[in-house]
PDB file of N, CA and C in Angstrom:
ATOM      1  N   MET A   1      97.655  78.587 110.826  1.00  0.00           N
ATOM      2  CA  MET A   1      98.247  79.028 109.572  1.00  0.00           C
ATOM      3  C   MET A   1      99.607  79.655 109.887  1.00  0.00           C
ATOM      4  N   PRO A   2     100.628  79.270 109.138  1.00  0.00           N
ATOM      5  CA  PRO A   2     101.949  79.850 109.379  1.00  0.00           C
ATOM      6  C   PRO A   2     101.961  81.363 109.122  1.00  0.00           C
ATOM      7  N   VAL A   3     102.803  82.045 109.862  1.00  0.00           N
ATOM      8  CA  VAL A   3     102.869  83.503 109.777  1.00  0.00           C
ATOM      9  C   VAL A   3     103.282  83.954 108.377  1.00  0.00           C
ATOM     10  N   ARG A   4     104.225  83.263 107.770  1.00  0.00           N
ATOM     11  CA  ARG A   4     104.689  83.661 106.431  1.00  0.00           C
ATOM     12  C   ARG A   4     103.573  83.556 105.401  1.00  0.00           C
ATOM     13  N   LEU A   5     102.774  82.503 105.482  1.00  0.00           N
ATOM     14  CA  LEU A   5     101.648  82.346 104.552  1.00  0.00           C
ATOM     15  C   LEU A   5     100.598  83.421 104.802  1.00  0.00           C
ATOM     16  N   ARG A   6     100.332  83.715 106.068  1.00  0.00           N
ATOM     17  CA  ARG A   6      99.363  84.753 106.409  1.00  0.00           C
ATOM     18  C   ARG A   6      99.813  86.115 105.882  1.00  0.00           C
ATOM     19  N   LYS A   7     101.111  86.399 105.966  1.00  0.00           N
ATOM     20  CA  LYS A   7     101.622  87.676 105.464  1.00  0.00           C
ATOM     21  C   LYS A   7     101.571  87.740 103.942  1.00  0.00           C
ATOM     22  N   LEU A   8     101.818  86.629 103.269  1.00  0.00           N
ATOM     23  CA  LEU A   8     101.705  86.602 101.812  1.00  0.00           C
ATOM     24  C   LEU A   8     100.273  86.856 101.372  1.00  0.00           C
ATOM     25  N   ILE A   9      99.336  86.161 101.995  1.00  0.00           N
ATOM     26  CA  ILE A   9      97.918  86.355 101.669  1.00  0.00           C
ATOM     27  C   ILE A   9      97.494  87.781 101.982  1.00  0.00           C
ATOM     28  N   GLY A  10      97.905  88.295 103.130  1.00  0.00           N
ATOM     29  CA  GLY A  10      97.556  89.661 103.516  1.00  0.00           C
ATOM     30  C   GLY A  10      98.108  90.689 102.556  1.00  0.00           C
ATOM     31  N   MET A  11      99.328  90.489 102.083  1.00  0.00           N
ATOM     32  CA  MET A  11      99.929  91.423 101.131  1.00  0.00           C
ATOM     33  C   MET A  11      99.148  91.443  99.821  1.00  0.00           C
ATOM     34  N   ILE A  12      98.765  90.272  99.341  1.00  0.00           N
ATOM     35  CA  ILE A  12      97.982  90.196  98.106  1.00  0.00           C
ATOM     36  C   ILE A  12      96.622  90.856  98.286  1.00  0.00           C
ATOM     37  N   VAL A  13      95.980  90.607  99.416  1.00  0.00           N
ATOM     38  CA  VAL A  13      94.677  91.228  99.700  1.00  0.00           C
ATOM     39  C   VAL A  13      94.816  92.743  99.773  1.00  0.00           C
ATOM     40  N   LEU A  14      95.869  93.241 100.410  1.00  0.00           N
ATOM     41  CA  LEU A  14      96.070  94.694 100.504  1.00  0.00           C
ATOM     42  C   LEU A  14      96.284  95.325  99.137  1.00  0.00           C
ATOM     43  N   ILE A  15      97.073  94.690  98.298  1.00  0.00           N
ATOM     44  CA  ILE A  15      97.308  95.238  96.961  1.00  0.00           C
ATOM     45  C   ILE A  15      96.014  95.292  96.162  1.00  0.00           C
ATOM     46  N   VAL A  16      95.264  94.199  96.189  1.00  0.00           N
ATOM     47  CA  VAL A  16      93.991  94.164  95.459  1.00  0.00           C
ATOM     48  C   VAL A  16      93.012  95.181  96.034  1.00  0.00           C
ATOM     49  N   LEU A  17      92.951  95.292  97.348  1.00  0.00           N
ATOM     50  CA  LEU A  17      92.053  96.233  98.005  1.00  0.00           C
ATOM     51  C   LEU A  17      92.368  97.674  97.618  1.00  0.00           C
ATOM     52  N   VAL A  18      93.626  98.046  97.693  1.00  0.00           N
ATOM     53  CA  VAL A  18      94.015  99.432  97.431  1.00  0.00           C
ATOM     54  C   VAL A  18      93.810  99.789  95.962  1.00  0.00           C
ATOM     55  N   VAL A  19      94.220  98.913  95.064  1.00  0.00           N
ATOM     56  CA  VAL A  19      94.078  99.212  93.637  1.00  0.00           C
ATOM     57  C   VAL A  19      92.609  99.275  93.234  1.00  0.00           C
ATOM     58  N   THR A  20      91.817  98.320  93.671  1.00  0.00           N
ATOM     59  CA  THR A  20      90.392  98.313  93.340  1.00  0.00           C
ATOM     60  C   THR A  20      89.687  99.532  93.924  1.00  0.00           C
ATOM     61  N   TYR A  21      89.984  99.836  95.169  1.00  0.00           N
ATOM     62  CA  TYR A  21      89.353 100.983  95.814  1.00  0.00           C
ATOM     63  C   TYR A  21      89.720 102.289  95.114  1.00  0.00           C
ATOM     64  N   ALA A  22      90.989 102.427  94.733  1.00  0.00           N
ATOM     65  CA  ALA A  22      91.418 103.648  94.048  1.00  0.00           C
ATOM     66  C   ALA A  22      90.722 103.794  92.699  1.00  0.00           C
ATOM     67  N   LEU A  23      90.603 102.707  91.959  1.00  0.00           N
ATOM     68  CA  LEU A  23      89.916 102.767  90.665  1.00  0.00           C
ATOM     69  C   LEU A  23      88.442 103.120  90.820  1.00  0.00           C
ATOM     70  N   ILE A  24      87.789 102.522  91.798  1.00  0.00           N
ATOM     71  CA  ILE A  24      86.364 102.804  92.018  1.00  0.00           C
ATOM     72  C   ILE A  24      86.167 104.243  92.472  1.00  0.00           C
ATOM     73  N   ALA A  25      86.980 104.716  93.402  1.00  0.00           N
ATOM     74  CA  ALA A  25      86.841 106.088  93.905  1.00  0.00           C
ATOM     75  C   ALA A  25      87.081 107.109  92.801  1.00  0.00           C
ATOM     76  N   THR A  26      88.058 106.868  91.955  1.00  0.00           N
ATOM     77  CA  THR A  26      88.355 107.791  90.866  1.00  0.00           C
ATOM     78  C   THR A  26      87.267 107.762  89.798  1.00  0.00           C
ATOM     79  N   THR A  27      86.737 106.586  89.513  1.00  0.00           N
ATOM     80  CA  THR A  27      85.651 106.474  88.535  1.00  0.00           C
ATOM     81  C   THR A  27      84.396 107.187  89.019  1.00  0.00           C
ATOM     82  N   VAL A  28      84.058 106.995  90.275  1.00  0.00           N
ATOM     83  CA  VAL A  28      82.884 107.682  90.839  1.00  0.00           C
ATOM     84  C   VAL A  28      83.094 109.185  90.795  1.00  0.00           C
ATOM     85  N   ALA A  29      84.278 109.640  91.123  1.00  0.00           N
ATOM     86  CA  ALA A  29      84.560 111.078  91.094  1.00  0.00           C
ATOM     87  C   ALA A  29      84.462 111.620  89.675  1.00  0.00           C
ATOM     88  N   SER A  30      84.931 110.867  88.711  1.00  0.00           N
ATOM     89  CA  SER A  30      84.894 111.336  87.322  1.00  0.00           C
ATOM     90  C   SER A  30      83.468 111.483  86.807  1.00  0.00           C
ATOM     91  N   TYR A  31      82.614 110.528  87.147  1.00  0.00           N
ATOM     92  CA  TYR A  31      81.253 110.566  86.627  1.00  0.00           C
ATOM     93  C   TYR A  31      80.310 111.434  87.444  1.00  0.00           C
ATOM     94  N   ARG A  32      80.492 111.473  88.749  1.00  0.00           N
ATOM     95  CA  ARG A  32      79.555 112.200  89.614  1.00  0.00           C
ATOM     96  C   ARG A  32      79.972 113.628  89.928  1.00  0.00           C
ATOM     97  N   LEU A  33      81.255 113.899  89.946  1.00  0.00           N
ATOM     98  CA  LEU A  33      81.727 115.205  90.400  1.00  0.00           C
ATOM     99  C   LEU A  33      82.309 116.053  89.281  1.00  0.00           C
ATOM    100  N   ALA A  34      81.986 115.743  88.055  1.00  0.00           N
ATOM    101  CA  ALA A  34      82.604 116.443  86.921  1.00  0.00           C
ATOM    102  C   ALA A  34      82.338 117.949  86.953  1.00  0.00           C
ATOM    103  N   GLU A  35      81.147 118.346  87.299  1.00  0.00           N
ATOM    104  CA  GLU A  35      80.774 119.764  87.287  1.00  0.00           C
ATOM    105  C   GLU A  35      80.757 120.395  88.677  1.00  0.00           C
ATOM    106  N   SER A  36      81.251 119.690  89.659  1.00  0.00           N
ATOM    107  CA  SER A  36      81.227 120.191  91.034  1.00  0.00           C
ATOM    108  C   SER A  36      82.362 121.181  91.266  1.00  0.00           C
ATOM    109  N   PRO A  37      82.204 122.050  92.255  1.00  0.00           N
ATOM    110  CA  PRO A  37      83.280 122.992  92.578  1.00  0.00           C
ATOM    111  C   PRO A  37      84.489 122.274  93.183  1.00  0.00           C
ATOM    112  N   TRP A  38      85.595 122.999  93.268  1.00  0.00           N
ATOM    113  CA  TRP A  38      86.852 122.406  93.720  1.00  0.00           C
ATOM    114  C   TRP A  38      86.772 121.885  95.140  1.00  0.00           C
ATOM    115  N   TRP A  39      86.005 122.546  96.010  1.00  0.00           N
ATOM    116  CA  TRP A  39      85.954 122.133  97.402  1.00  0.00           C
ATOM    117  C   TRP A  39      85.206 120.810  97.569  1.00  0.00           C
ATOM    118  N   VAL A  40      84.267 120.510  96.669  1.00  0.00           N
ATOM    119  CA  VAL A  40      83.590 119.213  96.715  1.00  0.00           C
ATOM    120  C   VAL A  40      84.582 118.106  96.339  1.00  0.00           C
ATOM    121  N   HIS A  41      85.407 118.370  95.330  1.00  0.00           N
ATOM    122  CA  HIS A  41      86.449 117.413  94.955  1.00  0.00           C
ATOM    123  C   HIS A  41      87.418 117.191  96.123  1.00  0.00           C
ATOM    124  N   LEU A  42      87.829 118.270  96.765  1.00  0.00           N
ATOM    125  CA  LEU A  42      88.743 118.173  97.883  1.00  0.00           C
ATOM    126  C   LEU A  42      88.149 117.347  99.013  1.00  0.00           C
ATOM    127  N   LEU A  43      86.915 117.624  99.361  1.00  0.00           N
ATOM    128  CA  LEU A  43      86.250 116.881 100.428  1.00  0.00           C
ATOM    129  C   LEU A  43      86.077 115.412 100.059  1.00  0.00           C
ATOM    130  N   TYR A  44      85.674 115.145  98.822  1.00  0.00           N
ATOM    131  CA  TYR A  44      85.478 113.769  98.375  1.00  0.00           C
ATOM    132  C   TYR A  44      86.782 112.977  98.441  1.00  0.00           C
ATOM    133  N   PHE A  45      87.853 113.539  97.890  1.00  0.00           N
ATOM    134  CA  PHE A  45      89.114 112.806  97.886  1.00  0.00           C
ATOM    135  C   PHE A  45      89.745 112.728  99.267  1.00  0.00           C
ATOM    136  N   LEU A  46      89.459 113.673 100.138  1.00  0.00           N
ATOM    137  CA  LEU A  46      89.932 113.591 101.517  1.00  0.00           C
ATOM    138  C   LEU A  46      89.261 112.416 102.230  1.00  0.00           C
ATOM    139  N   VAL A  47      87.942 112.321 102.090  1.00  0.00           N
ATOM    140  CA  VAL A  47      87.200 111.241 102.744  1.00  0.00           C
ATOM    141  C   VAL A  47      87.557 109.883 102.137  1.00  0.00           C
ATOM    142  N   THR A  48      87.531 109.783 100.808  1.00  0.00           N
ATOM    143  CA  THR A  48      87.828 108.492 100.191  1.00  0.00           C
ATOM    144  C   THR A  48      89.300 108.115 100.334  1.00  0.00           C
ATOM    145  N   GLY A  49      90.168 109.098 100.465  1.00  0.00           N
ATOM    146  CA  GLY A  49      91.573 108.806 100.673  1.00  0.00           C
ATOM    147  C   GLY A  49      91.857 108.237 102.048  1.00  0.00           C
ATOM    148  N   LEU A  50      91.042 108.563 103.019  1.00  0.00           N
ATOM    149  CA  LEU A  50      91.224 108.043 104.366  1.00  0.00           C
ATOM    150  C   LEU A  50      90.381 106.796 104.642  1.00  0.00           C
ATOM    151  N   LEU A  51      89.360 106.575 103.857  1.00  0.00           N
ATOM    152  CA  LEU A  51      88.417 105.486 104.111  1.00  0.00           C
ATOM    153  C   LEU A  51      89.019 104.102 103.902  1.00  0.00           C
ATOM    154  N   TRP A  52      89.978 103.954 103.003  1.00  0.00           N
ATOM    155  CA  TRP A  52      90.571 102.647 102.750  1.00  0.00           C
ATOM    156  C   TRP A  52      91.461 102.177 103.896  1.00  0.00           C
ATOM    157  N   VAL A  53      91.793 103.087 104.801  1.00  0.00           N
ATOM    158  CA  VAL A  53      92.684 102.730 105.902  1.00  0.00           C
ATOM    159  C   VAL A  53      92.014 101.746 106.860  1.00  0.00           C
ATOM    160  N   LEU A  54      90.716 101.848 107.054  1.00  0.00           N
ATOM    161  CA  LEU A  54      90.018 100.973 108.006  1.00  0.00           C
ATOM    162  C   LEU A  54      90.106  99.494 107.620  1.00  0.00           C
ATOM    163  N   PRO A  55      89.743  99.105 106.385  1.00  0.00           N
ATOM    164  CA  PRO A  55      89.912  97.688 106.049  1.00  0.00           C
ATOM    165  C   PRO A  55      91.378  97.258 106.005  1.00  0.00           C
ATOM    166  N   ALA A  56      92.265  98.160 105.600  1.00  0.00           N
ATOM    167  CA  ALA A  56      93.688  97.818 105.570  1.00  0.00           C
ATOM    168  C   ALA A  56      94.213  97.562 106.980  1.00  0.00           C
ATOM    169  N   MET A  57      93.717  98.318 107.947  1.00  0.00           N
ATOM    170  CA  MET A  57      94.113  98.112 109.332  1.00  0.00           C
ATOM    171  C   MET A  57      93.707  96.724 109.819  1.00  0.00           C
ATOM    172  N   LEU A  58      92.518  96.286 109.446  1.00  0.00           N
ATOM    173  CA  LEU A  58      92.055  94.957 109.851  1.00  0.00           C
ATOM    174  C   LEU A  58      92.904  93.856 109.224  1.00  0.00           C
ATOM    175  N   VAL A  59      93.259  94.023 107.948  1.00  0.00           N
ATOM    176  CA  VAL A  59      94.091  93.026 107.280  1.00  0.00           C
ATOM    177  C   VAL A  59      95.475  92.977 107.913  1.00  0.00           C
ATOM    178  N   ILE A  60      96.051  94.126 108.209  1.00  0.00           N
ATOM    179  CA  ILE A  60      97.383  94.162 108.824  1.00  0.00           C
ATOM    180  C   ILE A  60      97.348  93.565 110.223  1.00  0.00           C
ATOM    181  N   ARG A  61      96.304  93.829 110.969  1.00  0.00           N
ATOM    182  CA  ARG A  61      96.174  93.246 112.304  1.00  0.00           C
ATOM    183  C   ARG A  61      96.082  91.726 112.219  1.00  0.00           C
ATOM    184  N   TRP A  62      95.334  91.223 111.218  1.00  0.00           N
ATOM    185  CA  TRP A  62      95.224  89.786 111.015  1.00  0.00           C
ATOM    186  C   TRP A  62      96.580  89.185 110.625  1.00  0.00           C
ATOM    187  N   MET A  63      97.321  89.912 109.781  1.00  0.00           N
ATOM    188  CA  MET A  63      98.634  89.424 109.347  1.00  0.00           C
ATOM    189  C   MET A  63      99.621  89.314 110.514  1.00  0.00           C
ATOM    190  N   GLU A  64      99.523  90.185 111.477  1.00  0.00           N
ATOM    191  CA  GLU A  64     100.493  90.249 112.563  1.00  0.00           C
ATOM    192  C   GLU A  64     100.185  89.320 113.738  1.00  0.00           C
ATOM    193  N   LYS A  65      99.063  88.612 113.694  1.00  0.00           N
ATOM    194  CA  LYS A  65      98.759  87.687 114.784  1.00  0.00           C
ATOM    195  C   LYS A  65      99.801  86.587 114.815  1.00  0.00           C
ATOM    196  N   PRO A  66     100.226  86.175 116.002  1.00  0.00           N
ATOM    197  CA  PRO A  66     101.199  85.082 116.072  1.00  0.00           C
ATOM    198  C   PRO A  66     100.550  83.744 115.687  1.00  0.00           C
ATOM    199  N   ALA A  67     101.374  82.795 115.336  1.00  0.00           N
ATOM    200  CA  ALA A  67     100.873  81.460 115.001  1.00  0.00           C
ATOM    201  C   ALA A  67     100.248  80.833 116.236  1.00  0.00           C
ATOM    202  N   ARG A  68      99.331  79.915 116.037  1.00  0.00           N
ATOM    203  CA  ARG A  68      98.623  79.309 117.174  1.00  0.00           C
ATOM    204  C   ARG A  68      99.570  78.552 118.102  1.00  0.00           C
ATOM    205  N   ASN A  69     100.509  77.813 117.553  1.00  0.00           N
ATOM    206  CA  ASN A  69     101.395  77.047 118.415  1.00  0.00           C
ATOM    207  C   ASN A  69     102.393  77.942 119.149  1.00  0.00           C
ATOM    208  N   ALA A  70     102.575  79.178 118.747  1.00  0.00           N
ATOM    209  CA  ALA A  70     103.488  80.096 119.435  1.00  0.00           C
ATOM    210  C   ALA A  70     102.852  80.661 120.703  1.00  0.00           C
ATOM    211  N   ARG A  71     101.538  80.630 120.804  1.00  0.00           N
ATOM    212  CA  ARG A  71     100.846  81.173 121.981  1.00  0.00           C
ATOM    213  C   ARG A  71     100.935  80.241 123.177  1.00  0.00           C
ATOM    214  N   ARG A  72     101.116  78.966 122.952  1.00  0.00           N
ATOM    215  CA  ARG A  72     101.042  77.986 124.041  1.00  0.00           C
ATOM    216  C   ARG A  72     102.227  77.989 124.910  1.00  0.00           C
TER     217      ARG A  72
END
């Protein structure tokens, strides 16, 4: 797969991943943590704010792989 196509696909996947994850995390926080103290909110958003980095790292690593014919 050409590098430019891989980067285009990766960019689209990252945008969808981040937006979907942010919506889900915020919705869960709204429904589950409404009556919780401030420190529970802080801990929840700290963990969920860092959790999306792991799949994004994998997508970026995949995007940066060289083309197959460039390795030879």
